Amino acid sequence: MGITKTFGFAFKINEMADILKALGNPARLKIIQFLMDAPSSSCGDMIQVLPLAQSTVSKHLSELKRVKLIKGKTKGNNIYYTLNLVTWEKVKGFVLSDINRPKEE
């Protein structure tokens, strides 16, 4: 996100915008959905169910890691990914707090 788009907004708002932007991609949403059903999965596991090349899945995993929606743990030659529950709680808290916020007139 460019500096002109983030200037003047609180860190928390910019952080959440970055996270939500990362979620705005169908492949990344499918990866998240996959990890909900199959925690601790490798990229190789995911390419079995995604219509994407391994390199493309890896790029999406990198973006999800960058915004801390997932974590990776190396075991042997593979990285196994799980959801980062701390970040998911932040997203959940943000969305729910916004829903419950009184409407401005």
PDB file of N, CA and C in Angstrom:
ATOM      1  N   MET A   1       0.850  -1.170   0.000  1.00  0.00           N
ATOM      2  CA  MET A   1       0.000   0.000   0.000  1.00  0.00           C
ATOM      3  C   MET A   1       0.896   1.235   0.000  1.00  0.00           C
ATOM      4  N   GLY A   2       0.626   2.178  -0.881  1.00  0.00           N
ATOM      5  CA  GLY A   2       1.442   3.377  -0.988  1.00  0.00           C
ATOM      6  C   GLY A   2       1.278   4.300   0.207  1.00  0.00           C
ATOM      7  N   ILE A   3       2.309   5.120   0.442  1.00  0.00           N
ATOM      8  CA  ILE A   3       2.302   6.033   1.580  1.00  0.00           C
ATOM      9  C   ILE A   3       1.137   7.018   1.501  1.00  0.00           C
ATOM     10  N   THR A   4       0.769   7.450   0.303  1.00  0.00           N
ATOM     11  CA  THR A   4      -0.325   8.421   0.194  1.00  0.00           C
ATOM     12  C   THR A   4      -1.663   7.817   0.590  1.00  0.00           C
ATOM     13  N   LYS A   5      -1.802   6.508   0.441  1.00  0.00           N
ATOM     14  CA  LYS A   5      -3.052   5.854   0.825  1.00  0.00           C
ATOM     15  C   LYS A   5      -3.126   5.596   2.324  1.00  0.00           C
ATOM     16  N   THR A   6      -1.979   5.530   2.991  1.00  0.00           N
ATOM     17  CA  THR A   6      -1.966   5.174   4.408  1.00  0.00           C
ATOM     18  C   THR A   6      -1.734   6.376   5.320  1.00  0.00           C
ATOM     19  N   PHE A   7      -1.240   7.469   4.765  1.00  0.00           N
ATOM     20  CA  PHE A   7      -0.912   8.639   5.575  1.00  0.00           C
ATOM     21  C   PHE A   7      -2.152   9.191   6.263  1.00  0.00           C
ATOM     22  N   GLY A   8      -2.018   9.469   7.542  1.00  0.00           N
ATOM     23  CA  GLY A   8      -3.112  10.082   8.287  1.00  0.00           C
ATOM     24  C   GLY A   8      -4.057   9.100   8.947  1.00  0.00           C
ATOM     25  N   PHE A   9      -3.840   7.799   8.714  1.00  0.00           N
ATOM     26  CA  PHE A   9      -4.675   6.785   9.351  1.00  0.00           C
ATOM     27  C   PHE A   9      -3.880   6.087  10.447  1.00  0.00           C
ATOM     28  N   ALA A  10      -4.576   5.624  11.457  1.00  0.00           N
ATOM     29  CA  ALA A  10      -3.929   4.921  12.559  1.00  0.00           C
ATOM     30  C   ALA A  10      -3.287   3.626  12.067  1.00  0.00           C
ATOM     31  N   PHE A  11      -2.214   3.213  12.731  1.00  0.00           N
ATOM     32  CA  PHE A  11      -1.505   1.978  12.379  1.00  0.00           C
ATOM     33  C   PHE A  11      -2.468   0.806  12.309  1.00  0.00           C
ATOM     34  N   LYS A  12      -3.362   0.712  13.298  1.00  0.00           N
ATOM     35  CA  LYS A  12      -4.307  -0.403  13.365  1.00  0.00           C
ATOM     36  C   LYS A  12      -5.207  -0.468  12.125  1.00  0.00           C
ATOM     37  N   ILE A  13      -5.637   0.680  11.650  1.00  0.00           N
ATOM     38  CA  ILE A  13      -6.492   0.732  10.461  1.00  0.00           C
ATOM     39  C   ILE A  13      -5.699   0.310   9.230  1.00  0.00           C
ATOM     40  N   ASN A  14      -4.473   0.812   9.102  1.00  0.00           N
ATOM     41  CA  ASN A  14      -3.629   0.433   7.963  1.00  0.00           C
ATOM     42  C   ASN A  14      -3.297  -1.058   7.991  1.00  0.00           C
ATOM     43  N   GLU A  15      -3.021  -1.578   9.176  1.00  0.00           N
ATOM     44  CA  GLU A  15      -2.726  -3.007   9.310  1.00  0.00           C
ATOM     45  C   GLU A  15      -3.934  -3.842   8.878  1.00  0.00           C
ATOM     46  N   MET A  16      -5.109  -3.459   9.336  1.00  0.00           N
ATOM     47  CA  MET A  16      -6.312  -4.215   8.996  1.00  0.00           C
ATOM     48  C   MET A  16      -6.627  -4.099   7.508  1.00  0.00           C
ATOM     49  N   ALA A  17      -6.412  -2.944   6.916  1.00  0.00           N
ATOM     50  CA  ALA A  17      -6.631  -2.773   5.472  1.00  0.00           C
ATOM     51  C   ALA A  17      -5.713  -3.705   4.690  1.00  0.00           C
ATOM     52  N   ASP A  18      -4.476  -3.847   5.127  1.00  0.00           N
ATOM     53  CA  ASP A  18      -3.518  -4.730   4.467  1.00  0.00           C
ATOM     54  C   ASP A  18      -3.950  -6.195   4.578  1.00  0.00           C
ATOM     55  N   ILE A  19      -4.402  -6.582   5.749  1.00  0.00           N
ATOM     56  CA  ILE A  19      -4.873  -7.955   5.973  1.00  0.00           C
ATOM     57  C   ILE A  19      -6.102  -8.244   5.112  1.00  0.00           C
ATOM     58  N   LEU A  20      -7.066  -7.331   5.142  1.00  0.00           N
ATOM     59  CA  LEU A  20      -8.299  -7.541   4.378  1.00  0.00           C
ATOM     60  C   LEU A  20      -8.038  -7.529   2.877  1.00  0.00           C
ATOM     61  N   LYS A  21      -7.071  -6.741   2.441  1.00  0.00           N
ATOM     62  CA  LYS A  21      -6.693  -6.737   1.028  1.00  0.00           C
ATOM     63  C   LYS A  21      -6.132  -8.101   0.632  1.00  0.00           C
ATOM     64  N   ALA A  22      -5.312  -8.679   1.506  1.00  0.00           N
ATOM     65  CA  ALA A  22      -4.755 -10.013   1.229  1.00  0.00           C
ATOM     66  C   ALA A  22      -5.871 -11.054   1.134  1.00  0.00           C
ATOM     67  N   LEU A  23      -6.922 -10.868   1.880  1.00  0.00           N
ATOM     68  CA  LEU A  23      -8.046 -11.809   1.845  1.00  0.00           C
ATOM     69  C   LEU A  23      -8.944 -11.603   0.625  1.00  0.00           C
ATOM     70  N   GLY A  24      -8.729 -10.523  -0.105  1.00  0.00           N
ATOM     71  CA  GLY A  24      -9.574 -10.218  -1.246  1.00  0.00           C
ATOM     72  C   GLY A  24      -9.198 -10.960  -2.521  1.00  0.00           C
ATOM     73  N   ASN A  25      -8.522 -12.076  -2.376  1.00  0.00           N
ATOM     74  CA  ASN A  25      -8.120 -12.879  -3.532  1.00  0.00           C
ATOM     75  C   ASN A  25      -8.724 -14.275  -3.383  1.00  0.00           C
ATOM     76  N   PRO A  26      -9.419 -14.779  -4.400  1.00  0.00           N
ATOM     77  CA  PRO A  26     -10.087 -16.079  -4.266  1.00  0.00           C
ATOM     78  C   PRO A  26      -9.133 -17.236  -3.952  1.00  0.00           C
ATOM     79  N   ALA A  27      -7.937 -17.204  -4.502  1.00  0.00           N
ATOM     80  CA  ALA A  27      -6.980 -18.284  -4.219  1.00  0.00           C
ATOM     81  C   ALA A  27      -6.569 -18.265  -2.754  1.00  0.00           C
ATOM     82  N   ARG A  28      -6.354 -17.076  -2.212  1.00  0.00           N
ATOM     83  CA  ARG A  28      -5.964 -16.974  -0.794  1.00  0.00           C
ATOM     84  C   ARG A  28      -7.106 -17.383   0.121  1.00  0.00           C
ATOM     85  N   LEU A  29      -8.325 -17.027  -0.252  1.00  0.00           N
ATOM     86  CA  LEU A  29      -9.477 -17.469   0.543  1.00  0.00           C
ATOM     87  C   LEU A  29      -9.588 -18.994   0.529  1.00  0.00           C
ATOM     88  N   LYS A  30      -9.333 -19.595  -0.624  1.00  0.00           N
ATOM     89  CA  LYS A  30      -9.386 -21.058  -0.723  1.00  0.00           C
ATOM     90  C   LYS A  30      -8.281 -21.693   0.119  1.00  0.00           C
ATOM     91  N   ILE A  31      -7.095 -21.079   0.146  1.00  0.00           N
ATOM     92  CA  ILE A  31      -6.005 -21.581   0.993  1.00  0.00           C
ATOM     93  C   ILE A  31      -6.416 -21.512   2.456  1.00  0.00           C
ATOM     94  N   ILE A  32      -7.019 -20.398   2.864  1.00  0.00           N
ATOM     95  CA  ILE A  32      -7.483 -20.257   4.255  1.00  0.00           C
ATOM     96  C   ILE A  32      -8.523 -21.330   4.564  1.00  0.00           C
ATOM     97  N   GLN A  33      -9.464 -21.508   3.668  1.00  0.00           N
ATOM     98  CA  GLN A  33     -10.498 -22.530   3.848  1.00  0.00           C
ATOM     99  C   GLN A  33      -9.865 -23.917   3.964  1.00  0.00           C
ATOM    100  N   PHE A  34      -8.887 -24.192   3.125  1.00  0.00           N
ATOM    101  CA  PHE A  34      -8.190 -25.474   3.155  1.00  0.00           C
ATOM    102  C   PHE A  34      -7.514 -25.682   4.514  1.00  0.00           C
ATOM    103  N   LEU A  35      -6.848 -24.634   5.017  1.00  0.00           N
ATOM    104  CA  LEU A  35      -6.158 -24.754   6.304  1.00  0.00           C
ATOM    105  C   LEU A  35      -7.128 -24.885   7.479  1.00  0.00           C
ATOM    106  N   MET A  36      -8.338 -24.390   7.329  1.00  0.00           N
ATOM    107  CA  MET A  36      -9.347 -24.582   8.374  1.00  0.00           C
ATOM    108  C   MET A  36      -9.718 -26.057   8.473  1.00  0.00           C
ATOM    109  N   ASP A  37      -9.787 -26.704   7.316  1.00  0.00           N
ATOM    110  CA  ASP A  37     -10.159 -28.120   7.278  1.00  0.00           C
ATOM    111  C   ASP A  37      -8.970 -29.056   7.498  1.00  0.00           C
ATOM    112  N   ALA A  38      -7.783 -28.616   7.105  1.00  0.00           N
ATOM    113  CA  ALA A  38      -6.591 -29.468   7.182  1.00  0.00           C
ATOM    114  C   ALA A  38      -5.419 -28.675   7.742  1.00  0.00           C
ATOM    115  N   PRO A  39      -5.455 -28.405   9.070  1.00  0.00           N
ATOM    116  CA  PRO A  39      -4.358 -27.643   9.660  1.00  0.00           C
ATOM    117  C   PRO A  39      -3.032 -28.382   9.482  1.00  0.00           C
ATOM    118  N   SER A  40      -1.977 -27.625   9.474  1.00  0.00           N
ATOM    119  CA  SER A  40      -0.623 -28.156   9.325  1.00  0.00           C
ATOM    120  C   SER A  40      -0.454 -28.875   7.989  1.00  0.00           C
ATOM    121  N   SER A  41      -0.692 -28.120   6.909  1.00  0.00           N
ATOM    122  CA  SER A  41      -0.570 -28.647   5.556  1.00  0.00           C
ATOM    123  C   SER A  41       0.589 -27.992   4.829  1.00  0.00           C
ATOM    124  N   SER A  42       1.174 -28.733   3.913  1.00  0.00           N
ATOM    125  CA  SER A  42       2.281 -28.202   3.111  1.00  0.00           C
ATOM    126  C   SER A  42       1.740 -27.636   1.801  1.00  0.00           C
ATOM    127  N   CYS A  43       2.588 -26.918   1.106  1.00  0.00           N
ATOM    128  CA  CYS A  43       2.237 -26.396  -0.216  1.00  0.00           C
ATOM    129  C   CYS A  43       1.879 -27.564  -1.136  1.00  0.00           C
ATOM    130  N   GLY A  44       2.608 -28.658  -1.035  1.00  0.00           N
ATOM    131  CA  GLY A  44       2.328 -29.838  -1.841  1.00  0.00           C
ATOM    132  C   GLY A  44       0.934 -30.386  -1.607  1.00  0.00           C
ATOM    133  N   ASP A  45       0.475 -30.326  -0.346  1.00  0.00           N
ATOM    134  CA  ASP A  45      -0.897 -30.758  -0.038  1.00  0.00           C
ATOM    135  C   ASP A  45      -1.913 -29.859  -0.751  1.00  0.00           C
ATOM    136  N   MET A  46      -1.616 -28.571  -0.748  1.00  0.00           N
ATOM    137  CA  MET A  46      -2.561 -27.599  -1.305  1.00  0.00           C
ATOM    138  C   MET A  46      -2.649 -27.679  -2.826  1.00  0.00           C
ATOM    139  N   ILE A  47      -1.541 -27.936  -3.484  1.00  0.00           N
ATOM    140  CA  ILE A  47      -1.601 -27.976  -4.950  1.00  0.00           C
ATOM    141  C   ILE A  47      -2.399 -29.171  -5.453  1.00  0.00           C
ATOM    142  N   GLN A  48      -2.665 -30.121  -4.574  1.00  0.00           N
ATOM    143  CA  GLN A  48      -3.509 -31.258  -4.952  1.00  0.00           C
ATOM    144  C   GLN A  48      -4.965 -30.845  -5.131  1.00  0.00           C
ATOM    145  N   VAL A  49      -5.374 -29.761  -4.480  1.00  0.00           N
ATOM    146  CA  VAL A  49      -6.784 -29.340  -4.530  1.00  0.00           C
ATOM    147  C   VAL A  49      -6.995 -27.971  -5.167  1.00  0.00           C
ATOM    148  N   LEU A  50      -5.927 -27.229  -5.418  1.00  0.00           N
ATOM    149  CA  LEU A  50      -6.049 -25.909  -6.032  1.00  0.00           C
ATOM    150  C   LEU A  50      -5.679 -25.987  -7.513  1.00  0.00           C
ATOM    151  N   PRO A  51      -6.396 -25.264  -8.359  1.00  0.00           N
ATOM    152  CA  PRO A  51      -6.089 -25.290  -9.791  1.00  0.00           C
ATOM    153  C   PRO A  51      -4.953 -24.317 -10.146  1.00  0.00           C
ATOM    154  N   LEU A  52      -3.883 -24.358  -9.365  1.00  0.00           N
ATOM    155  CA  LEU A  52      -2.777 -23.423  -9.524  1.00  0.00           C
ATOM    156  C   LEU A  52      -1.448 -24.155  -9.510  1.00  0.00           C
ATOM    157  N   ALA A  53      -0.458 -23.568 -10.143  1.00  0.00           N
ATOM    158  CA  ALA A  53       0.891 -24.116 -10.130  1.00  0.00           C
ATOM    159  C   ALA A  53       1.508 -23.957  -8.741  1.00  0.00           C
ATOM    160  N   GLN A  54       2.472 -24.773  -8.446  1.00  0.00           N
ATOM    161  CA  GLN A  54       3.149 -24.732  -7.149  1.00  0.00           C
ATOM    162  C   GLN A  54       3.741 -23.348  -6.875  1.00  0.00           C
ATOM    163  N   SER A  55       4.344 -22.736  -7.891  1.00  0.00           N
ATOM    164  CA  SER A  55       4.955 -21.416  -7.695  1.00  0.00           C
ATOM    165  C   SER A  55       3.905 -20.360  -7.350  1.00  0.00           C
ATOM    166  N   THR A  56       2.728 -20.469  -7.935  1.00  0.00           N
ATOM    167  CA  THR A  56       1.643 -19.522  -7.656  1.00  0.00           C
ATOM    168  C   THR A  56       1.124 -19.707  -6.233  1.00  0.00           C
ATOM    169  N   VAL A  57       0.951 -20.960  -5.823  1.00  0.00           N
ATOM    170  CA  VAL A  57       0.510 -21.237  -4.454  1.00  0.00           C
ATOM    171  C   VAL A  57       1.547 -20.706  -3.467  1.00  0.00           C
ATOM    172  N   SER A  58       2.811 -20.904  -3.758  1.00  0.00           N
ATOM    173  CA  SER A  58       3.879 -20.401  -2.883  1.00  0.00           C
ATOM    174  C   SER A  58       3.816 -18.884  -2.729  1.00  0.00           C
ATOM    175  N   LYS A  59       3.547 -18.170  -3.823  1.00  0.00           N
ATOM    176  CA  LYS A  59       3.432 -16.702  -3.753  1.00  0.00           C
ATOM    177  C   LYS A  59       2.248 -16.296  -2.884  1.00  0.00           C
ATOM    178  N   HIS A  60       1.132 -17.002  -3.021  1.00  0.00           N
ATOM    179  CA  HIS A  60      -0.034 -16.692  -2.183  1.00  0.00           C
ATOM    180  C   HIS A  60       0.253 -17.000  -0.713  1.00  0.00           C
ATOM    181  N   LEU A  61       0.942 -18.093  -0.455  1.00  0.00           N
ATOM    182  CA  LEU A  61       1.314 -18.423   0.923  1.00  0.00           C
ATOM    183  C   LEU A  61       2.232 -17.351   1.501  1.00  0.00           C
ATOM    184  N   SER A  62       3.151 -16.852   0.701  1.00  0.00           N
ATOM    185  CA  SER A  62       4.056 -15.783   1.162  1.00  0.00           C
ATOM    186  C   SER A  62       3.286 -14.525   1.540  1.00  0.00           C
ATOM    187  N   GLU A  63       2.285 -14.184   0.735  1.00  0.00           N
ATOM    188  CA  GLU A  63       1.486 -12.995   1.034  1.00  0.00           C
ATOM    189  C   GLU A  63       0.674 -13.189   2.312  1.00  0.00           C
ATOM    190  N   LEU A  64       0.107 -14.373   2.496  1.00  0.00           N
ATOM    191  CA  LEU A  64      -0.649 -14.656   3.723  1.00  0.00           C
ATOM    192  C   LEU A  64       0.263 -14.644   4.946  1.00  0.00           C
ATOM    193  N   LYS A  65       1.487 -15.112   4.769  1.00  0.00           N
ATOM    194  CA  LYS A  65       2.463 -15.053   5.870  1.00  0.00           C
ATOM    195  C   LYS A  65       2.877 -13.616   6.158  1.00  0.00           C
ATOM    196  N   ARG A  66       3.037 -12.827   5.114  1.00  0.00           N
ATOM    197  CA  ARG A  66       3.464 -11.435   5.280  1.00  0.00           C
ATOM    198  C   ARG A  66       2.492 -10.656   6.166  1.00  0.00           C
ATOM    199  N   VAL A  67       1.205 -10.890   5.974  1.00  0.00           N
ATOM    200  CA  VAL A  67       0.209 -10.184   6.796  1.00  0.00           C
ATOM    201  C   VAL A  67      -0.144 -10.966   8.063  1.00  0.00           C
ATOM    202  N   LYS A  68       0.593 -12.039   8.297  1.00  0.00           N
ATOM    203  CA  LYS A  68       0.491 -12.846   9.527  1.00  0.00           C
ATOM    204  C   LYS A  68      -0.839 -13.567   9.702  1.00  0.00           C
ATOM    205  N   LEU A  69      -1.507 -13.895   8.583  1.00  0.00           N
ATOM    206  CA  LEU A  69      -2.733 -14.691   8.676  1.00  0.00           C
ATOM    207  C   LEU A  69      -2.418 -16.169   8.860  1.00  0.00           C
ATOM    208  N   ILE A  70      -1.229 -16.587   8.407  1.00  0.00           N
ATOM    209  CA  ILE A  70      -0.795 -17.972   8.578  1.00  0.00           C
ATOM    210  C   ILE A  70       0.635 -17.979   9.111  1.00  0.00           C
ATOM    211  N   LYS A  71       1.013 -19.126   9.655  1.00  0.00           N
ATOM    212  CA  LYS A  71       2.375 -19.344  10.129  1.00  0.00           C
ATOM    213  C   LYS A  71       2.917 -20.583   9.431  1.00  0.00           C
ATOM    214  N   GLY A  72       4.221 -20.631   9.268  1.00  0.00           N
ATOM    215  CA  GLY A  72       4.851 -21.801   8.668  1.00  0.00           C
ATOM    216  C   GLY A  72       5.897 -22.377   9.597  1.00  0.00           C
ATOM    217  N   LYS A  73       5.953 -23.701   9.635  1.00  0.00           N
ATOM    218  CA  LYS A  73       6.941 -24.381  10.468  1.00  0.00           C
ATOM    219  C   LYS A  73       7.665 -25.401   9.596  1.00  0.00           C
ATOM    220  N   THR A  74       8.987 -25.319   9.578  1.00  0.00           N
ATOM    221  CA  THR A  74       9.782 -26.211   8.747  1.00  0.00           C
ATOM    222  C   THR A  74       9.951 -27.564   9.422  1.00  0.00           C
ATOM    223  N   LYS A  75       9.663 -28.612   8.647  1.00  0.00           N
ATOM    224  CA  LYS A  75       9.896 -29.995   9.082  1.00  0.00           C
ATOM    225  C   LYS A  75      10.565 -30.701   7.910  1.00  0.00           C
ATOM    226  N   GLY A  76      11.828 -31.013   8.074  1.00  0.00           N
ATOM    227  CA  GLY A  76      12.561 -31.628   6.973  1.00  0.00           C
ATOM    228  C   GLY A  76      12.674 -30.653   5.822  1.00  0.00           C
ATOM    229  N   ASN A  77      12.291 -31.090   4.637  1.00  0.00           N
ATOM    230  CA  ASN A  77      12.354 -30.237   3.449  1.00  0.00           C
ATOM    231  C   ASN A  77      11.064 -29.470   3.189  1.00  0.00           C
ATOM    232  N   ASN A  78      10.058 -29.636   4.021  1.00  0.00           N
ATOM    233  CA  ASN A  78       8.756 -29.005   3.805  1.00  0.00           C
ATOM    234  C   ASN A  78       8.462 -27.951   4.859  1.00  0.00           C
ATOM    235  N   ILE A  79       7.594 -27.016   4.480  1.00  0.00           N
ATOM    236  CA  ILE A  79       7.046 -26.047   5.425  1.00  0.00           C
ATOM    237  C   ILE A  79       5.577 -26.400   5.587  1.00  0.00           C
ATOM    238  N   TYR A  80       5.151 -26.533   6.832  1.00  0.00           N
ATOM    239  CA  TYR A  80       3.754 -26.844   7.130  1.00  0.00           C
ATOM    240  C   TYR A  80       3.092 -25.590   7.679  1.00  0.00           C
ATOM    241  N   TYR A  81       1.961 -25.257   7.082  1.00  0.00           N
ATOM    242  CA  TYR A  81       1.272 -24.012   7.383  1.00  0.00           C
ATOM    243  C   TYR A  81       0.061 -24.247   8.275  1.00  0.00           C
ATOM    244  N   THR A  82      -0.167 -23.295   9.169  1.00  0.00           N
ATOM    245  CA  THR A  82      -1.343 -23.281  10.027  1.00  0.00           C
ATOM    246  C   THR A  82      -1.879 -21.850  10.081  1.00  0.00           C
ATOM    247  N   LEU A  83      -3.123 -21.723  10.483  1.00  0.00           N
ATOM    248  CA  LEU A  83      -3.691 -20.390  10.680  1.00  0.00           C
ATOM    249  C   LEU A  83      -3.037 -19.744  11.891  1.00  0.00           C
ATOM    250  N   ASN A  84      -2.826 -18.447  11.831  1.00  0.00           N
ATOM    251  CA  ASN A  84      -2.309 -17.692  12.964  1.00  0.00           C
ATOM    252  C   ASN A  84      -3.522 -17.155  13.727  1.00  0.00           C
ATOM    253  N   LEU A  85      -3.867 -17.826  14.801  1.00  0.00           N
ATOM    254  CA  LEU A  85      -5.090 -17.483  15.534  1.00  0.00           C
ATOM    255  C   LEU A  85      -5.045 -16.104  16.166  1.00  0.00           C
ATOM    256  N   VAL A  86      -3.854 -15.610  16.490  1.00  0.00           N
ATOM    257  CA  VAL A  86      -3.738 -14.265  17.065  1.00  0.00           C
ATOM    258  C   VAL A  86      -4.233 -13.226  16.054  1.00  0.00           C
ATOM    259  N   THR A  87      -3.793 -13.351  14.813  1.00  0.00           N
ATOM    260  CA  THR A  87      -4.233 -12.408  13.779  1.00  0.00           C
ATOM    261  C   THR A  87      -5.710 -12.578  13.490  1.00  0.00           C
ATOM    262  N   TRP A  88      -6.186 -13.823  13.464  1.00  0.00           N
ATOM    263  CA  TRP A  88      -7.612 -14.052  13.206  1.00  0.00           C
ATOM    264  C   TRP A  88      -8.479 -13.426  14.293  1.00  0.00           C
ATOM    265  N   GLU A  89      -8.014 -13.436  15.526  1.00  0.00           N
ATOM    266  CA  GLU A  89      -8.765 -12.778  16.606  1.00  0.00           C
ATOM    267  C   GLU A  89      -8.801 -11.269  16.387  1.00  0.00           C
ATOM    268  N   LYS A  90      -7.692 -10.690  15.892  1.00  0.00           N
ATOM    269  CA  LYS A  90      -7.673  -9.258  15.577  1.00  0.00           C
ATOM    270  C   LYS A  90      -8.705  -8.930  14.496  1.00  0.00           C
ATOM    271  N   VAL A  91      -8.736  -9.751  13.450  1.00  0.00           N
ATOM    272  CA  VAL A  91      -9.685  -9.528  12.352  1.00  0.00           C
ATOM    273  C   VAL A  91     -11.109  -9.639  12.878  1.00  0.00           C
ATOM    274  N   LYS A  92     -11.350 -10.686  13.632  1.00  0.00           N
ATOM    275  CA  LYS A  92     -12.686 -10.905  14.194  1.00  0.00           C
ATOM    276  C   LYS A  92     -13.095  -9.723  15.085  1.00  0.00           C
ATOM    277  N   GLY A  93     -12.187  -9.284  15.942  1.00  0.00           N
ATOM    278  CA  GLY A  93     -12.474  -8.152  16.825  1.00  0.00           C
ATOM    279  C   GLY A  93     -12.753  -6.880  16.053  1.00  0.00           C
ATOM    280  N   PHE A  94     -11.984  -6.653  14.998  1.00  0.00           N
ATOM    281  CA  PHE A  94     -12.190  -5.458  14.181  1.00  0.00           C
ATOM    282  C   PHE A  94     -13.554  -5.494  13.503  1.00  0.00           C
ATOM    283  N   VAL A  95     -13.866  -6.599  12.869  1.00  0.00           N
ATOM    284  CA  VAL A  95     -15.135  -6.716  12.144  1.00  0.00           C
ATOM    285  C   VAL A  95     -16.317  -6.591  13.108  1.00  0.00           C
ATOM    286  N   LEU A  96     -16.247  -7.276  14.226  1.00  0.00           N
ATOM    287  CA  LEU A  96     -17.360  -7.219  15.175  1.00  0.00           C
ATOM    288  C   LEU A  96     -17.483  -5.855  15.834  1.00  0.00           C
ATOM    289  N   SER A  97     -16.361  -5.200  16.103  1.00  0.00           N
ATOM    290  CA  SER A  97     -16.446  -3.877  16.718  1.00  0.00           C
ATOM    291  C   SER A  97     -17.036  -2.881  15.734  1.00  0.00           C
ATOM    292  N   ASP A  98     -16.738  -3.055  14.437  1.00  0.00           N
ATOM    293  CA  ASP A  98     -17.281  -2.158  13.433  1.00  0.00           C
ATOM    294  C   ASP A  98     -18.782  -2.378  13.249  1.00  0.00           C
ATOM    295  N   ILE A  99     -19.216  -3.618  13.346  1.00  0.00           N
ATOM    296  CA  ILE A  99     -20.644  -3.923  13.216  1.00  0.00           C
ATOM    297  C   ILE A  99     -21.434  -3.305  14.371  1.00  0.00           C
ATOM    298  N   ASN A 100     -20.851  -3.342  15.564  1.00  0.00           N
ATOM    299  CA  ASN A 100     -21.545  -2.855  16.754  1.00  0.00           C
ATOM    300  C   ASN A 100     -21.364  -1.351  16.973  1.00  0.00           C
ATOM    301  N   ARG A 101     -20.577  -0.702  16.143  1.00  0.00           N
ATOM    302  CA  ARG A 101     -20.310   0.729  16.285  1.00  0.00           C
ATOM    303  C   ARG A 101     -21.550   1.517  15.882  1.00  0.00           C
ATOM    304  N   PRO A 102     -21.909   2.540  16.668  1.00  0.00           N
ATOM    305  CA  PRO A 102     -23.084   3.350  16.285  1.00  0.00           C
ATOM    306  C   PRO A 102     -22.834   4.031  14.948  1.00  0.00           C
ATOM    307  N   LYS A 103     -23.869   4.133  14.154  1.00  0.00           N
ATOM    308  CA  LYS A 103     -23.781   4.770  12.843  1.00  0.00           C
ATOM    309  C   LYS A 103     -23.645   6.280  13.004  1.00  0.00           C
ATOM    310  N   GLU A 104     -22.760   6.861  12.178  1.00  0.00           N
ATOM    311  CA  GLU A 104     -22.610   8.316  12.195  1.00  0.00           C
ATOM    312  C   GLU A 104     -23.706   8.926  11.342  1.00  0.00           C
ATOM    313  N   GLU A 105     -24.242  10.016  11.779  1.00  0.00           N
ATOM    314  CA  GLU A 105     -25.306  10.712  11.046  1.00  0.00           C
ATOM    315  C   GLU A 105     -24.705  11.632  10.026  1.00  0.00           C
TER     316      GLU A 105
END
